[in-house]
N, C-alpha and C. Protein backbone atom coordinates (compact mmCIF):
# COMPACT_ATOMS: atom_id res chain seq x y z
N UNK A 1 0.85 -1.17 0.00
CA UNK A 1 0.00 0.00 0.00
C UNK A 1 0.89 1.24 0.00
N UNK A 2 0.57 2.19 -0.85
CA UNK A 2 1.34 3.42 -0.92
C UNK A 2 1.14 4.23 0.35
N UNK A 3 2.14 5.01 0.69
CA UNK A 3 2.08 5.84 1.89
C UNK A 3 0.93 6.84 1.80
N UNK A 4 0.70 7.44 0.60
CA UNK A 4 -0.39 8.41 0.47
C UNK A 4 -1.75 7.75 0.68
N UNK A 5 -1.91 6.51 0.22
CA UNK A 5 -3.16 5.79 0.42
C UNK A 5 -3.36 5.50 1.90
N UNK A 6 -2.30 5.08 2.57
CA UNK A 6 -2.38 4.80 4.00
C UNK A 6 -2.71 6.08 4.77
N UNK A 7 -2.07 7.19 4.40
CA UNK A 7 -2.34 8.47 5.05
C UNK A 7 -3.81 8.86 4.86
N UNK A 8 -4.32 8.69 3.65
CA UNK A 8 -5.72 9.02 3.37
C UNK A 8 -6.66 8.13 4.18
N UNK A 9 -6.36 6.84 4.29
CA UNK A 9 -7.19 5.94 5.07
C UNK A 9 -7.17 6.31 6.56
N UNK A 10 -6.01 6.66 7.06
CA UNK A 10 -5.93 7.07 8.46
C UNK A 10 -6.72 8.35 8.71
N UNK A 11 -6.65 9.30 7.79
CA UNK A 11 -7.41 10.55 7.93
C UNK A 11 -8.91 10.26 7.90
N UNK A 12 -9.34 9.38 6.99
CA UNK A 12 -10.75 9.01 6.90
C UNK A 12 -11.19 8.30 8.17
N UNK A 13 -10.38 7.38 8.68
CA UNK A 13 -10.71 6.66 9.91
C UNK A 13 -10.83 7.65 11.07
N UNK A 14 -9.93 8.61 11.15
CA UNK A 14 -9.98 9.62 12.21
C UNK A 14 -11.25 10.46 12.10
N UNK A 15 -11.61 10.87 10.88
CA UNK A 15 -12.81 11.68 10.67
C UNK A 15 -14.06 10.88 11.04
N UNK A 16 -14.10 9.61 10.66
CA UNK A 16 -15.26 8.78 10.99
C UNK A 16 -15.37 8.56 12.49
N UNK A 17 -14.25 8.34 13.16
CA UNK A 17 -14.26 8.14 14.61
C UNK A 17 -14.78 9.39 15.30
N UNK A 18 -14.37 10.57 14.80
CA UNK A 18 -14.84 11.82 15.40
C UNK A 18 -16.35 11.97 15.22
N UNK A 19 -16.83 11.72 13.99
CA UNK A 19 -18.26 11.85 13.73
C UNK A 19 -19.06 10.89 14.60
N UNK A 20 -18.49 9.71 14.87
CA UNK A 20 -19.21 8.73 15.68
C UNK A 20 -19.22 9.12 17.16
N UNK A 21 -18.42 10.10 17.57
CA UNK A 21 -18.44 10.52 18.97
C UNK A 21 -19.56 11.54 19.22
N UNK A 22 -20.37 11.80 18.20
CA UNK A 22 -21.53 12.67 18.33
C UNK A 22 -22.77 11.78 18.36
N UNK A 23 -23.56 11.92 19.41
CA UNK A 23 -24.80 11.15 19.53
C UNK A 23 -25.95 12.02 19.04
N UNK A 24 -26.73 11.49 18.09
CA UNK A 24 -27.88 12.19 17.53
C UNK A 24 -29.14 11.46 17.94
N UNK A 25 -30.08 12.18 18.53
CA UNK A 25 -31.35 11.58 18.96
C UNK A 25 -32.51 12.45 18.49
N UNK A 26 -33.68 11.82 18.37
CA UNK A 26 -34.94 12.50 18.08
C UNK A 26 -34.86 13.42 16.86
N UNK A 27 -34.14 13.00 15.83
CA UNK A 27 -33.98 13.81 14.63
C UNK A 27 -35.21 13.71 13.74
N UNK A 28 -35.61 14.86 13.15
CA UNK A 28 -36.76 14.88 12.25
C UNK A 28 -36.73 16.16 11.42
N UNK A 29 -37.47 16.15 10.32
CA UNK A 29 -37.64 17.32 9.46
C UNK A 29 -39.13 17.61 9.37
N UNK A 30 -39.50 18.88 9.46
CA UNK A 30 -40.91 19.27 9.35
C UNK A 30 -41.37 19.14 7.90
N UNK A 31 -42.60 18.65 7.71
CA UNK A 31 -43.18 18.48 6.37
C UNK A 31 -43.16 19.79 5.59
N UNK A 32 -43.14 19.66 4.27
CA UNK A 32 -43.21 20.82 3.38
C UNK A 32 -44.10 20.45 2.19
N UNK A 33 -45.03 21.33 1.86
CA UNK A 33 -45.96 21.08 0.75
C UNK A 33 -45.34 21.58 -0.56
N UNK A 34 -45.87 21.12 -1.71
CA UNK A 34 -45.34 21.60 -3.00
C UNK A 34 -45.36 23.14 -3.05
N UNK A 35 -44.26 23.71 -3.50
CA UNK A 35 -44.15 25.16 -3.60
C UNK A 35 -43.61 25.84 -2.35
N UNK A 36 -43.56 25.13 -1.24
CA UNK A 36 -43.01 25.70 -0.01
C UNK A 36 -41.51 25.83 -0.17
N UNK A 37 -40.94 26.97 0.22
CA UNK A 37 -39.52 27.22 -0.05
C UNK A 37 -38.58 26.78 1.07
N UNK A 38 -39.10 26.58 2.28
CA UNK A 38 -38.19 26.22 3.36
C UNK A 38 -38.86 25.45 4.47
N UNK A 39 -38.05 24.77 5.26
CA UNK A 39 -38.50 24.03 6.44
C UNK A 39 -37.32 23.85 7.38
N UNK A 40 -37.56 23.22 8.51
CA UNK A 40 -36.50 23.03 9.50
C UNK A 40 -36.23 21.57 9.80
N UNK A 41 -34.99 21.30 10.20
CA UNK A 41 -34.57 19.99 10.69
C UNK A 41 -34.17 20.16 12.15
N UNK A 42 -34.58 19.20 12.96
CA UNK A 42 -34.43 19.32 14.40
C UNK A 42 -33.85 18.02 14.96
N UNK A 43 -33.12 18.11 16.06
CA UNK A 43 -32.50 16.94 16.67
C UNK A 43 -31.85 17.33 17.99
N UNK A 44 -31.43 16.32 18.73
CA UNK A 44 -30.66 16.53 19.95
C UNK A 44 -29.26 15.98 19.70
N UNK A 45 -28.25 16.80 19.96
CA UNK A 45 -26.85 16.42 19.72
C UNK A 45 -26.09 16.39 21.04
N UNK A 46 -25.30 15.36 21.23
CA UNK A 46 -24.40 15.28 22.38
C UNK A 46 -23.03 14.85 21.87
N UNK A 47 -22.04 15.71 22.08
CA UNK A 47 -20.68 15.42 21.64
C UNK A 47 -19.89 14.88 22.83
N UNK A 48 -19.42 13.66 22.69
CA UNK A 48 -18.67 13.02 23.79
C UNK A 48 -17.46 13.86 24.19
N UNK A 49 -16.69 14.31 23.20
CA UNK A 49 -15.45 15.04 23.48
C UNK A 49 -15.54 16.53 23.14
N UNK A 50 -16.70 17.02 22.82
CA UNK A 50 -16.84 18.41 22.43
C UNK A 50 -16.54 18.58 20.94
N UNK A 51 -17.29 19.44 20.30
CA UNK A 51 -17.12 19.69 18.87
C UNK A 51 -17.87 20.96 18.53
N UNK A 52 -17.85 21.29 17.26
CA UNK A 52 -18.60 22.42 16.74
C UNK A 52 -19.35 21.97 15.50
N UNK A 53 -20.61 22.37 15.40
CA UNK A 53 -21.38 22.14 14.19
C UNK A 53 -21.12 23.35 13.30
N UNK A 54 -20.49 23.11 12.14
CA UNK A 54 -20.07 24.23 11.30
C UNK A 54 -20.76 24.26 9.94
N UNK A 55 -21.65 23.31 9.68
CA UNK A 55 -22.36 23.35 8.41
C UNK A 55 -23.30 22.18 8.24
N UNK A 56 -24.11 22.29 7.18
CA UNK A 56 -25.06 21.23 6.86
C UNK A 56 -25.30 21.25 5.35
N UNK A 57 -25.71 20.09 4.84
CA UNK A 57 -26.04 19.95 3.42
C UNK A 57 -27.14 18.92 3.26
N UNK A 58 -28.07 19.18 2.35
CA UNK A 58 -29.08 18.19 1.99
C UNK A 58 -29.38 18.34 0.50
N UNK A 59 -29.46 17.23 -0.22
CA UNK A 59 -29.76 17.32 -1.64
C UNK A 59 -31.18 17.80 -1.93
N UNK A 60 -32.06 17.84 -0.93
CA UNK A 60 -33.43 18.32 -1.15
C UNK A 60 -33.54 19.84 -1.08
N UNK A 61 -32.44 20.51 -0.70
CA UNK A 61 -32.46 21.96 -0.53
C UNK A 61 -31.29 22.61 -1.27
N UNK A 62 -31.55 23.80 -1.80
CA UNK A 62 -30.48 24.56 -2.42
C UNK A 62 -29.52 25.11 -1.38
N UNK A 63 -30.05 25.39 -0.19
CA UNK A 63 -29.25 25.95 0.91
C UNK A 63 -29.65 25.25 2.21
N UNK A 64 -28.64 24.89 3.01
CA UNK A 64 -28.88 24.35 4.35
C UNK A 64 -27.94 25.09 5.30
N UNK A 65 -28.52 25.71 6.32
CA UNK A 65 -27.72 26.50 7.27
C UNK A 65 -28.19 26.22 8.69
N UNK A 66 -27.28 26.37 9.63
CA UNK A 66 -27.63 26.32 11.04
C UNK A 66 -28.16 27.71 11.40
N UNK A 67 -29.36 27.75 11.98
CA UNK A 67 -30.00 29.01 12.34
C UNK A 67 -30.32 29.04 13.83
N UNK A 68 -30.49 30.25 14.32
CA UNK A 68 -30.92 30.49 15.69
C UNK A 68 -32.13 31.40 15.65
N UNK A 69 -33.15 31.05 16.42
CA UNK A 69 -34.30 31.93 16.61
C UNK A 69 -34.26 32.41 18.06
N UNK A 70 -34.44 33.72 18.25
CA UNK A 70 -34.51 34.23 19.61
C UNK A 70 -35.26 35.55 19.62
N UNK A 71 -35.77 35.87 20.79
CA UNK A 71 -36.52 37.11 20.95
C UNK A 71 -35.57 38.30 20.97
N UNK A 72 -35.95 39.34 20.24
CA UNK A 72 -35.24 40.61 20.22
C UNK A 72 -36.29 41.65 20.58
N UNK A 73 -36.40 41.96 21.87
CA UNK A 73 -37.51 42.80 22.33
C UNK A 73 -38.80 42.00 22.20
N UNK A 74 -39.75 42.51 21.42
CA UNK A 74 -41.02 41.81 21.21
C UNK A 74 -41.06 41.06 19.89
N UNK A 75 -39.92 40.95 19.22
CA UNK A 75 -39.89 40.35 17.88
C UNK A 75 -39.01 39.10 17.88
N UNK A 76 -39.57 38.01 17.32
CA UNK A 76 -38.78 36.78 17.15
C UNK A 76 -37.93 36.95 15.90
N UNK A 77 -36.63 36.80 16.04
CA UNK A 77 -35.72 36.95 14.91
C UNK A 77 -34.98 35.65 14.64
N UNK A 78 -34.69 35.40 13.36
CA UNK A 78 -33.94 34.22 12.97
C UNK A 78 -32.70 34.69 12.23
N UNK A 79 -31.57 34.04 12.56
CA UNK A 79 -30.33 34.39 11.86
C UNK A 79 -29.47 33.15 11.71
N UNK A 80 -28.66 33.14 10.67
CA UNK A 80 -27.72 32.04 10.45
C UNK A 80 -26.57 32.18 11.45
N UNK A 81 -26.07 31.04 11.93
CA UNK A 81 -24.88 31.02 12.78
C UNK A 81 -23.84 30.16 12.08
N UNK A 82 -22.61 30.65 12.04
CA UNK A 82 -21.55 29.91 11.33
C UNK A 82 -21.00 28.76 12.15
N UNK A 83 -21.12 28.85 13.48
CA UNK A 83 -20.59 27.82 14.37
C UNK A 83 -21.56 27.64 15.54
N UNK A 84 -21.91 26.39 15.82
CA UNK A 84 -22.70 26.07 17.00
C UNK A 84 -21.86 25.16 17.88
N UNK A 85 -21.51 25.65 19.08
CA UNK A 85 -20.69 24.86 20.01
C UNK A 85 -21.48 23.67 20.54
N UNK A 86 -20.80 22.53 20.59
CA UNK A 86 -21.33 21.30 21.18
C UNK A 86 -20.38 20.92 22.31
N UNK A 87 -20.58 21.51 23.51
CA UNK A 87 -19.66 21.25 24.63
C UNK A 87 -19.62 19.78 25.00
N UNK A 88 -18.47 19.32 25.45
CA UNK A 88 -18.27 17.91 25.80
C UNK A 88 -19.30 17.44 26.81
N UNK A 89 -20.01 16.37 26.45
CA UNK A 89 -20.97 15.75 27.34
C UNK A 89 -22.27 16.50 27.56
N UNK A 90 -22.42 17.67 26.97
CA UNK A 90 -23.63 18.47 27.16
C UNK A 90 -24.58 18.24 25.99
N UNK A 91 -25.86 18.20 26.27
CA UNK A 91 -26.87 18.02 25.23
C UNK A 91 -27.24 19.37 24.65
N UNK A 92 -27.23 19.46 23.31
CA UNK A 92 -27.62 20.68 22.61
C UNK A 92 -28.84 20.34 21.78
N UNK A 93 -29.93 21.06 22.02
CA UNK A 93 -31.17 20.79 21.29
C UNK A 93 -31.31 21.72 20.10
N UNK A 94 -31.60 21.12 18.95
CA UNK A 94 -32.00 21.87 17.77
C UNK A 94 -33.50 21.65 17.69
N UNK A 95 -34.29 22.69 17.96
CA UNK A 95 -35.73 22.54 18.10
C UNK A 95 -36.46 23.75 17.54
N UNK A 96 -37.75 23.60 17.23
CA UNK A 96 -38.52 24.75 16.77
C UNK A 96 -38.43 25.89 17.79
N UNK A 97 -38.20 27.10 17.32
CA UNK A 97 -38.10 28.25 18.20
C UNK A 97 -36.72 28.45 18.79
N UNK A 98 -35.74 27.63 18.41
CA UNK A 98 -34.38 27.76 18.93
C UNK A 98 -33.39 27.50 17.80
N UNK A 99 -32.30 26.84 18.12
CA UNK A 99 -31.35 26.44 17.08
C UNK A 99 -32.00 25.36 16.22
N UNK A 100 -31.71 25.36 14.94
CA UNK A 100 -32.22 24.34 14.02
C UNK A 100 -31.42 24.40 12.73
N UNK A 101 -31.57 23.39 11.90
CA UNK A 101 -30.99 23.43 10.55
C UNK A 101 -32.10 23.89 9.63
N UNK A 102 -31.88 25.01 8.96
CA UNK A 102 -32.87 25.57 8.04
C UNK A 102 -32.58 25.05 6.64
N UNK A 103 -33.58 24.41 6.04
CA UNK A 103 -33.47 23.92 4.67
C UNK A 103 -34.25 24.89 3.80
N UNK A 104 -33.54 25.58 2.91
CA UNK A 104 -34.15 26.62 2.07
C UNK A 104 -33.99 26.26 0.59
N UNK A 105 -34.78 26.94 -0.22
CA UNK A 105 -34.79 26.67 -1.66
C UNK A 105 -35.07 25.18 -1.90
N UNK A 106 -36.14 24.70 -1.25
CA UNK A 106 -36.50 23.28 -1.37
C UNK A 106 -36.74 22.91 -2.82
N UNK A 107 -36.25 21.73 -3.19
CA UNK A 107 -36.35 21.25 -4.57
C UNK A 107 -37.55 20.34 -4.77
N UNK A 108 -38.24 19.98 -3.67
CA UNK A 108 -39.36 19.06 -3.75
C UNK A 108 -40.20 19.18 -2.49
N UNK A 109 -41.42 18.66 -2.55
CA UNK A 109 -42.25 18.57 -1.36
C UNK A 109 -41.64 17.53 -0.42
N UNK A 110 -41.90 17.68 0.86
CA UNK A 110 -41.41 16.72 1.86
C UNK A 110 -42.62 16.20 2.62
N UNK A 111 -43.27 15.15 2.09
CA UNK A 111 -44.48 14.64 2.73
C UNK A 111 -44.18 13.83 3.99
N UNK A 112 -45.15 13.84 4.90
CA UNK A 112 -45.06 13.04 6.12
C UNK A 112 -44.79 11.60 5.74
N UNK A 113 -43.87 10.96 6.46
CA UNK A 113 -43.55 9.57 6.21
C UNK A 113 -42.36 9.36 5.29
N UNK A 114 -41.92 10.42 4.61
CA UNK A 114 -40.73 10.29 3.75
C UNK A 114 -39.48 10.50 4.61
N UNK A 115 -38.31 10.41 4.00
CA UNK A 115 -37.06 10.66 4.72
C UNK A 115 -36.23 11.68 3.94
N UNK A 116 -35.38 12.38 4.65
CA UNK A 116 -34.51 13.41 4.07
C UNK A 116 -33.07 13.10 4.44
N UNK A 117 -32.18 12.99 3.45
CA UNK A 117 -30.76 12.86 3.78
C UNK A 117 -30.21 14.22 4.23
N UNK A 118 -29.43 14.20 5.29
CA UNK A 118 -28.84 15.43 5.81
C UNK A 118 -27.41 15.12 6.24
N UNK A 119 -26.47 15.94 5.81
CA UNK A 119 -25.07 15.79 6.19
C UNK A 119 -24.70 16.94 7.11
N UNK A 120 -24.19 16.62 8.29
CA UNK A 120 -23.69 17.63 9.22
C UNK A 120 -22.18 17.70 9.09
N UNK A 121 -21.65 18.91 9.07
CA UNK A 121 -20.20 19.11 9.07
C UNK A 121 -19.80 19.52 10.48
N UNK A 122 -18.86 18.77 11.05
CA UNK A 122 -18.42 18.98 12.43
C UNK A 122 -16.94 19.30 12.46
N UNK A 123 -16.52 20.03 13.48
CA UNK A 123 -15.09 20.34 13.66
C UNK A 123 -14.72 20.01 15.10
N UNK A 124 -13.63 19.25 15.27
CA UNK A 124 -13.20 18.89 16.62
C UNK A 124 -12.28 19.98 17.18
N UNK A 125 -11.82 19.78 18.40
CA UNK A 125 -10.98 20.78 19.09
C UNK A 125 -9.66 21.03 18.37
N UNK A 126 -9.19 20.05 17.56
CA UNK A 126 -7.94 20.22 16.83
C UNK A 126 -8.16 20.83 15.45
N UNK A 127 -9.41 21.19 15.15
CA UNK A 127 -9.70 21.82 13.86
C UNK A 127 -9.98 20.85 12.73
N UNK A 128 -10.00 19.54 13.02
CA UNK A 128 -10.29 18.54 11.98
C UNK A 128 -11.78 18.51 11.71
N UNK A 129 -12.13 18.54 10.42
CA UNK A 129 -13.53 18.47 10.04
C UNK A 129 -13.91 17.05 9.69
N UNK A 130 -15.15 16.71 9.99
CA UNK A 130 -15.71 15.41 9.62
C UNK A 130 -17.16 15.63 9.23
N UNK A 131 -17.71 14.64 8.58
CA UNK A 131 -19.10 14.72 8.15
C UNK A 131 -19.88 13.55 8.73
N UNK A 132 -21.11 13.84 9.10
CA UNK A 132 -22.00 12.82 9.62
C UNK A 132 -23.22 12.75 8.71
N UNK A 133 -23.43 11.58 8.13
CA UNK A 133 -24.56 11.35 7.21
C UNK A 133 -25.75 10.86 8.02
N UNK A 134 -26.89 11.53 7.86
CA UNK A 134 -28.11 11.16 8.57
C UNK A 134 -29.25 10.97 7.58
N UNK A 135 -30.23 10.18 7.95
CA UNK A 135 -31.50 10.06 7.22
C UNK A 135 -32.58 10.41 8.23
N UNK A 136 -33.25 11.55 8.03
CA UNK A 136 -34.23 12.03 8.99
C UNK A 136 -35.65 11.77 8.51
N UNK A 137 -36.52 11.29 9.40
CA UNK A 137 -37.92 11.11 9.04
C UNK A 137 -38.61 12.48 8.93
N UNK A 138 -39.58 12.55 8.03
CA UNK A 138 -40.36 13.78 7.85
C UNK A 138 -41.66 13.62 8.63
N UNK A 139 -41.99 14.62 9.44
CA UNK A 139 -43.19 14.59 10.27
C UNK A 139 -43.77 15.99 10.40
N UNK A 140 -45.04 16.07 10.74
CA UNK A 140 -45.70 17.37 10.95
C UNK A 140 -45.32 17.95 12.32
N UNK A 141 -45.07 17.07 13.29
CA UNK A 141 -44.65 17.49 14.63
C UNK A 141 -43.53 16.56 15.09
N UNK A 142 -42.86 16.97 16.14
CA UNK A 142 -41.76 16.17 16.68
C UNK A 142 -42.25 14.77 17.02
N UNK A 143 -41.48 13.74 16.66
CA UNK A 143 -41.86 12.38 17.03
C UNK A 143 -42.06 12.27 18.54
N UNK A 144 -43.19 11.69 18.94
CA UNK A 144 -43.49 11.53 20.36
C UNK A 144 -44.14 12.74 20.99
N UNK A 145 -44.31 13.84 20.24
CA UNK A 145 -44.93 15.04 20.80
C UNK A 145 -46.41 14.79 21.06
N UNK A 146 -46.93 15.44 22.09
CA UNK A 146 -48.36 15.29 22.39
C UNK A 146 -49.19 15.95 21.28
N UNK A 147 -50.19 15.25 20.83
CA UNK A 147 -51.14 15.80 19.86
C UNK A 147 -52.52 15.68 20.45
N UNK A 148 -53.52 16.39 19.89
CA UNK A 148 -54.86 16.32 20.48
C UNK A 148 -55.37 14.89 20.65
N UNK A 149 -54.96 13.99 19.80
CA UNK A 149 -55.42 12.61 19.88
C UNK A 149 -54.74 11.78 20.96
N UNK A 150 -53.51 12.19 21.37
CA UNK A 150 -52.83 11.37 22.37
C UNK A 150 -52.43 12.14 23.62
N UNK A 151 -52.67 13.44 23.67
CA UNK A 151 -52.45 14.29 24.84
C UNK A 151 -51.48 13.71 25.85
N UNK A 152 -50.25 13.48 25.38
CA UNK A 152 -49.22 13.00 26.28
C UNK A 152 -49.36 11.53 26.63
N UNK A 153 -50.19 10.81 25.92
CA UNK A 153 -50.33 9.39 26.17
C UNK A 153 -51.28 9.06 27.30
N UNK A 154 -51.98 10.02 27.84
CA UNK A 154 -52.92 9.78 28.92
C UNK A 154 -54.13 9.01 28.41
N UNK A 155 -54.47 7.92 29.09
CA UNK A 155 -55.60 7.09 28.66
C UNK A 155 -56.56 6.89 29.80
N UNK A 156 -57.82 6.70 29.42
CA UNK A 156 -58.86 6.42 30.42
C UNK A 156 -59.32 4.99 30.25
């Protein structure tokens, strides 16, 4: 095996190991109807050793960015963030009304029950970037969220 091939394999192995140190839970994308230009992707991220979320990509969108929504006086504002810190061992929620991945310039409808490929770009403390490939279910509300029909699962 050539040294350059071995070096490339070691770099790939290192990048994959880093991406695997990020735990992703409760990931989903909000439905989008034909002609709708944007929607959000949401999830809970926990980085074992700490990392930064520095980008996102999805083939269903012309643009994918990490966004933050927050109150500015009496107005809810949304803005792109270039880096989202994922402190070691701390859970970071990407949720409606907070941080999320914004999928814009949608190329197709995203019906309930379909899936969306999403790639997260991560950077570790040493500046090494890695990518995490995800397949997110499309839903109208967060999986497991209370709806009028199940009101938190309470039964009589």
